[in-house]
Each structure stands twice: as structure tokens, then as C-alpha cells.
Amino acid sequence: MKYIDGQVAHIGDVVEYSDGATGVVVCSIDEDEYQASFTKENWSYLKNGIMVETESYGLIHSKEEDKDLKLLRRFGDS
């Protein structure tokens, strides 16, 4: 999946929704990336997109580019 600005989503990305809720990408099914606690065996059935873990809403599955989802920073960026 890509963000609206064309960048590919990766695990560890910190993202923000239009309502100000923030979260971290924990699975990128498209890129075959999964955090240790969100295994491929448990989540690959979704077939595509990303899973974002948010404090406000829990897990959110986004299947395609979402104009309300913005990349704030990549894992390791300050």
C-alpha cells in the first residue's frame, strides 16, 4: 500500500489519521513485513494493505491509499 504522497508503507511507520489519532504500522501485507507480535500466519489472510495499531481505535486494516492517513515518520527517523 502507498500513502497519498506515493511513499510505500512499511512496518514501524508512525502515521496520523485526519482526526488526529496516531498509530504504528504493524503489518504491511503488500510488502510481506510483519512485526514479531503480528505474525504472517495470523494476518496474511487479509491478502493486501496494512494494519495500523492505534491507541484510540485499536487495530485498523487499510486496504488502499487513504487520503486521511498521513506518514509522520519512518522507524528510526527522529
C-alpha atoms as a PDB file:
ATOM      1  CA  MET A   1       0.000   0.000   0.000  1.00  0.00           C
ATOM      2  CA  LYS A   2       1.107   3.555  -0.655  1.00  0.00           C
ATOM      3  CA  TYR A   3       0.362   6.717   1.245  1.00  0.00           C
ATOM      4  CA  ILE A   4      -1.353   9.558  -0.603  1.00  0.00           C
ATOM      5  CA  ASP A   5       2.107  11.117  -1.253  1.00  0.00           C
ATOM      6  CA  GLY A   6       3.192   7.963  -3.115  1.00  0.00           C
ATOM      7  CA  GLN A   7       5.531   6.518  -0.470  1.00  0.00           C
ATOM      8  CA  VAL A   8       5.232   2.791   0.231  1.00  0.00           C
ATOM      9  CA  ALA A   9       4.031   1.875   3.744  1.00  0.00           C
ATOM     10  CA  HIS A  10       6.420  -0.172   5.914  1.00  0.00           C
ATOM     11  CA  ILE A  11       6.227  -1.626   9.404  1.00  0.00           C
ATOM     12  CA  GLY A  12       7.300   0.824  12.061  1.00  0.00           C
ATOM     13  CA  ASP A  13       5.917   3.846  10.194  1.00  0.00           C
ATOM     14  CA  VAL A  14       4.218   6.311  12.518  1.00  0.00           C
ATOM     15  CA  VAL A  15       1.027   7.583  10.912  1.00  0.00           C
ATOM     16  CA  GLU A  16      -1.750  10.054  11.664  1.00  0.00           C
ATOM     17  CA  TYR A  17      -5.421   9.975  10.705  1.00  0.00           C
ATOM     18  CA  SER A  18      -7.340  13.150   9.840  1.00  0.00           C
ATOM     19  CA  ASP A  19      -8.967  13.215  13.299  1.00  0.00           C
ATOM     20  CA  GLY A  20      -5.529  13.399  14.968  1.00  0.00           C
ATOM     21  CA  ALA A  21      -5.375   9.736  16.040  1.00  0.00           C
ATOM     22  CA  THR A  22      -1.894   8.304  15.604  1.00  0.00           C
ATOM     23  CA  GLY A  23      -0.615   4.771  15.246  1.00  0.00           C
ATOM     24  CA  VAL A  24       2.163   2.498  14.078  1.00  0.00           C
ATOM     25  CA  VAL A  25       2.115   0.197  11.062  1.00  0.00           C
ATOM     26  CA  VAL A  26       2.478  -3.323  12.496  1.00  0.00           C
ATOM     27  CA  CYS A  27       1.909  -5.304   9.275  1.00  0.00           C
ATOM     28  CA  SER A  28       2.450  -4.468   5.651  1.00  0.00           C
ATOM     29  CA  ILE A  29       0.860  -7.397   3.901  1.00  0.00           C
ATOM     30  CA  ASP A  30       1.737  -5.961   0.474  1.00  0.00           C
ATOM     31  CA  GLU A  31       5.439  -5.755   1.418  1.00  0.00           C
ATOM     32  CA  ASP A  32       5.367  -9.064   3.361  1.00  0.00           C
ATOM     33  CA  GLU A  33       6.507  -7.294   6.563  1.00  0.00           C
ATOM     34  CA  TYR A  34       5.205  -8.281   9.991  1.00  0.00           C
ATOM     35  CA  GLN A  35       6.226  -7.226  13.495  1.00  0.00           C
ATOM     36  CA  ALA A  36       7.032 -10.150  15.796  1.00  0.00           C
ATOM     37  CA  SER A  37       3.747  -9.886  17.708  1.00  0.00           C
ATOM     38  CA  PHE A  38       1.692  -9.614  14.471  1.00  0.00           C
ATOM     39  CA  THR A  39       2.764 -12.700  12.562  1.00  0.00           C
ATOM     40  CA  LYS A  40       2.289 -13.534   8.915  1.00  0.00           C
ATOM     41  CA  GLU A  41       0.462 -16.707   9.933  1.00  0.00           C
ATOM     42  CA  ASN A  42      -2.173 -14.628  11.749  1.00  0.00           C
ATOM     43  CA  TRP A  43      -2.620 -11.724   9.330  1.00  0.00           C
ATOM     44  CA  SER A  44      -1.736 -12.721   5.751  1.00  0.00           C
ATOM     45  CA  TYR A  45      -5.323 -13.918   5.200  1.00  0.00           C
ATOM     46  CA  LEU A  46      -6.192 -10.226   4.702  1.00  0.00           C
ATOM     47  CA  LYS A  47      -4.404 -10.511   1.317  1.00  0.00           C
ATOM     48  CA  ASN A  48      -3.383  -6.831   0.993  1.00  0.00           C
ATOM     49  CA  GLY A  49      -2.934  -3.491   2.706  1.00  0.00           C
ATOM     50  CA  ILE A  50      -1.552  -2.590   6.120  1.00  0.00           C
ATOM     51  CA  MET A  51      -2.540  -2.982   9.764  1.00  0.00           C
ATOM     52  CA  VAL A  52      -2.137   0.051  11.993  1.00  0.00           C
ATOM     53  CA  GLU A  53      -2.178  -0.230  15.778  1.00  0.00           C
ATOM     54  CA  THR A  54      -3.694   2.883  17.353  1.00  0.00           C
ATOM     55  CA  GLU A  55      -4.331   3.757  20.968  1.00  0.00           C
ATOM     56  CA  SER A  56      -7.655   5.380  20.090  1.00  0.00           C
ATOM     57  CA  TYR A  57      -9.201   2.675  17.882  1.00  0.00           C
ATOM     58  CA  GLY A  58      -7.114  -0.480  18.275  1.00  0.00           C
ATOM     59  CA  LEU A  59      -6.178  -2.222  15.022  1.00  0.00           C
ATOM     60  CA  ILE A  60      -7.198  -0.672  11.705  1.00  0.00           C
ATOM     61  CA  HIS A  61      -6.863  -2.507   8.389  1.00  0.00           C
ATOM     62  CA  SER A  62      -6.353  -0.199   5.407  1.00  0.00           C
ATOM     63  CA  LYS A  63      -6.518  -1.895   2.023  1.00  0.00           C
ATOM     64  CA  GLU A  64      -5.785   1.005  -0.280  1.00  0.00           C
ATOM     65  CA  GLU A  65      -4.454   4.527  -0.371  1.00  0.00           C
ATOM     66  CA  ASP A  66      -6.290   6.590   2.226  1.00  0.00           C
ATOM     67  CA  LYS A  67      -6.369  10.385   1.872  1.00  0.00           C
ATOM     68  CA  ASP A  68      -6.966  10.618   5.632  1.00  0.00           C
ATOM     69  CA  LEU A  69      -3.775   8.693   6.526  1.00  0.00           C
ATOM     70  CA  LYS A  70      -0.515  10.628   6.664  1.00  0.00           C
ATOM     71  CA  LEU A  71       3.029   9.360   7.254  1.00  0.00           C
ATOM     72  CA  LEU A  72       4.547  11.266  10.185  1.00  0.00           C
ATOM     73  CA  ARG A  73       7.907   9.495  10.335  1.00  0.00           C
ATOM     74  CA  ARG A  74       9.701   6.274   9.499  1.00  0.00           C
ATOM     75  CA  PHE A  75      11.033   3.914  12.137  1.00  0.00           C
ATOM     76  CA  GLY A  76      14.444   5.192  13.187  1.00  0.00           C
ATOM     77  CA  ASP A  77      13.838   8.753  11.957  1.00  0.00           C
ATOM     78  CA  SER A  78      13.904  11.491  14.573  1.00  0.00           C
END
